[in-house]
Amino acid sequence: MMFYVYTLIIPILIVLLGICLKGVKFKEIPNLVNILFQMIPHLFGYAFLIYFLERENYIDSLWAFYTLIFFLIPVCFIILVLKIFFSMRK
């Protein structure tokens, strides 16, 4: 059960917190893409925090780090393509 908390709920909360702090509405897609682009380092930082906690046996979820990385890499490419697309439209 904690695996899903580590890999789904906490990253979604990190992204929603970033969106709420910046005050972006979901209808403003280019601004939303910019916020998601700015959240990428935070999500990778969270993934490496999970890696450290797994290696030091603070948490008992052996695949959480790998799942986060395997989700983050394609999401980063999609966000990067969207950022390039919206920046070329201006």
C-alpha atoms as a PDB file:
ATOM      1  CA  MET A   1       0.000   0.000   0.000  1.00  0.00           C
ATOM      2  CA  MET A   2       2.808   2.445   0.821  1.00  0.00           C
ATOM      3  CA  PHE A   3       4.271   1.794  -2.641  1.00  0.00           C
ATOM      4  CA  TYR A   4       1.308   3.622  -4.180  1.00  0.00           C
ATOM      5  CA  VAL A   5       1.663   6.472  -1.723  1.00  0.00           C
ATOM      6  CA  TYR A   6       5.352   6.877  -2.626  1.00  0.00           C
ATOM      7  CA  THR A   7       4.888   6.577  -6.390  1.00  0.00           C
ATOM      8  CA  LEU A   8       1.501   8.164  -7.068  1.00  0.00           C
ATOM      9  CA  ILE A   9       0.045  10.255  -4.285  1.00  0.00           C
ATOM     10  CA  ILE A  10       3.127  12.201  -3.150  1.00  0.00           C
ATOM     11  CA  PRO A  11       4.284  13.178  -6.699  1.00  0.00           C
ATOM     12  CA  ILE A  12       0.747  14.293  -7.554  1.00  0.00           C
ATOM     13  CA  LEU A  13       0.653  16.339  -4.352  1.00  0.00           C
ATOM     14  CA  ILE A  14       4.006  17.919  -5.236  1.00  0.00           C
ATOM     15  CA  VAL A  15       2.695  18.976  -8.656  1.00  0.00           C
ATOM     16  CA  LEU A  16      -0.610  20.240  -7.235  1.00  0.00           C
ATOM     17  CA  LEU A  17       1.245  22.196  -4.565  1.00  0.00           C
ATOM     18  CA  GLY A  18       3.397  23.834  -7.256  1.00  0.00           C
ATOM     19  CA  ILE A  19       0.311  24.703  -9.278  1.00  0.00           C
ATOM     20  CA  CYS A  20      -1.487  26.122  -6.239  1.00  0.00           C
ATOM     21  CA  LEU A  21       1.503  28.189  -5.136  1.00  0.00           C
ATOM     22  CA  LYS A  22       1.849  29.760  -8.576  1.00  0.00           C
ATOM     23  CA  GLY A  23      -1.892  30.371  -8.891  1.00  0.00           C
ATOM     24  CA  VAL A  24      -2.247  28.912 -12.372  1.00  0.00           C
ATOM     25  CA  LYS A  25      -5.688  28.002 -13.654  1.00  0.00           C
ATOM     26  CA  PHE A  26      -6.108  24.748 -15.544  1.00  0.00           C
ATOM     27  CA  LYS A  27      -7.502  26.630 -18.549  1.00  0.00           C
ATOM     28  CA  GLU A  28      -4.173  28.390 -19.094  1.00  0.00           C
ATOM     29  CA  ILE A  29      -2.354  25.483 -20.743  1.00  0.00           C
ATOM     30  CA  PRO A  30       0.928  27.289 -21.648  1.00  0.00           C
ATOM     31  CA  ASN A  31       1.318  28.535 -18.076  1.00  0.00           C
ATOM     32  CA  LEU A  32       0.491  25.076 -16.756  1.00  0.00           C
ATOM     33  CA  VAL A  33       3.201  23.583 -18.977  1.00  0.00           C
ATOM     34  CA  ASN A  34       5.679  26.164 -17.641  1.00  0.00           C
ATOM     35  CA  ILE A  35       4.826  25.201 -14.053  1.00  0.00           C
ATOM     36  CA  LEU A  36       5.185  21.500 -14.858  1.00  0.00           C
ATOM     37  CA  PHE A  37       8.532  22.246 -16.486  1.00  0.00           C
ATOM     38  CA  GLN A  38       9.654  24.033 -13.322  1.00  0.00           C
ATOM     39  CA  MET A  39       8.486  21.092 -11.175  1.00  0.00           C
ATOM     40  CA  ILE A  40      10.693  18.533 -12.975  1.00  0.00           C
ATOM     41  CA  PRO A  41      13.769  19.113 -10.750  1.00  0.00           C
ATOM     42  CA  HIS A  42      11.598  18.806  -7.632  1.00  0.00           C
ATOM     43  CA  LEU A  43      10.190  15.497  -8.832  1.00  0.00           C
ATOM     44  CA  PHE A  44      13.641  14.123  -9.636  1.00  0.00           C
ATOM     45  CA  GLY A  45      14.827  15.335  -6.231  1.00  0.00           C
ATOM     46  CA  TYR A  46      11.932  13.448  -4.641  1.00  0.00           C
ATOM     47  CA  ALA A  47      12.849  10.335  -6.650  1.00  0.00           C
ATOM     48  CA  PHE A  48      16.432  10.453  -5.416  1.00  0.00           C
ATOM     49  CA  LEU A  49      15.219  11.031  -1.855  1.00  0.00           C
ATOM     50  CA  ILE A  50      13.190   7.822  -2.204  1.00  0.00           C
ATOM     51  CA  TYR A  51      16.326   6.116  -3.563  1.00  0.00           C
ATOM     52  CA  PHE A  52      18.320   7.221  -0.509  1.00  0.00           C
ATOM     53  CA  LEU A  53      15.577   6.133   1.888  1.00  0.00           C
ATOM     54  CA  GLU A  54      15.361   2.727   0.175  1.00  0.00           C
ATOM     55  CA  ARG A  55      19.120   2.158   0.328  1.00  0.00           C
ATOM     56  CA  GLU A  56      19.336   3.150   3.978  1.00  0.00           C
ATOM     57  CA  ASN A  57      16.355   0.864   4.783  1.00  0.00           C
ATOM     58  CA  TYR A  58      14.172   3.657   6.133  1.00  0.00           C
ATOM     59  CA  ILE A  59      11.360   2.566   3.842  1.00  0.00           C
ATOM     60  CA  ASP A  60      10.591  -0.935   2.619  1.00  0.00           C
ATOM     61  CA  SER A  61       9.577  -0.355  -0.983  1.00  0.00           C
ATOM     62  CA  LEU A  62      12.184  -1.767  -3.322  1.00  0.00           C
ATOM     63  CA  TRP A  63      10.670  -0.630  -6.622  1.00  0.00           C
ATOM     64  CA  ALA A  64       9.445   2.864  -5.763  1.00  0.00           C
ATOM     65  CA  PHE A  65      12.571   4.625  -7.084  1.00  0.00           C
ATOM     66  CA  TYR A  66      12.584   2.694 -10.348  1.00  0.00           C
ATOM     67  CA  THR A  67       8.880   3.268 -10.866  1.00  0.00           C
ATOM     68  CA  LEU A  68       9.280   7.004 -10.285  1.00  0.00           C
ATOM     69  CA  ILE A  69      12.183   7.247 -12.719  1.00  0.00           C
ATOM     70  CA  PHE A  70      10.415   5.160 -15.382  1.00  0.00           C
ATOM     71  CA  PHE A  71       7.392   7.475 -15.113  1.00  0.00           C
ATOM     72  CA  LEU A  72       9.389  10.710 -14.915  1.00  0.00           C
ATOM     73  CA  ILE A  73      11.561  10.204 -17.986  1.00  0.00           C
ATOM     74  CA  PRO A  74       8.679   9.965 -20.514  1.00  0.00           C
ATOM     75  CA  VAL A  75       6.727  12.693 -18.701  1.00  0.00           C
ATOM     76  CA  CYS A  76       9.784  14.978 -18.925  1.00  0.00           C
ATOM     77  CA  PHE A  77      10.035  14.429 -22.666  1.00  0.00           C
ATOM     78  CA  ILE A  78       6.325  15.162 -23.114  1.00  0.00           C
ATOM     79  CA  ILE A  79       6.566  18.336 -21.029  1.00  0.00           C
ATOM     80  CA  LEU A  80       9.678  19.418 -22.933  1.00  0.00           C
ATOM     81  CA  VAL A  81       7.958  18.912 -26.297  1.00  0.00           C
ATOM     82  CA  LEU A  82       4.906  20.850 -25.088  1.00  0.00           C
ATOM     83  CA  LYS A  83       7.106  23.659 -23.775  1.00  0.00           C
ATOM     84  CA  ILE A  84       8.893  23.914 -27.129  1.00  0.00           C
ATOM     85  CA  PHE A  85       5.557  23.804 -28.961  1.00  0.00           C
ATOM     86  CA  PHE A  86       4.000  26.588 -26.892  1.00  0.00           C
ATOM     87  CA  SER A  87       7.136  28.724 -26.996  1.00  0.00           C
ATOM     88  CA  MET A  88       7.194  28.524 -30.808  1.00  0.00           C
ATOM     89  CA  ARG A  89       3.558  29.656 -31.012  1.00  0.00           C
ATOM     90  CA  LYS A  90       4.286  33.020 -29.362  1.00  0.00           C
END
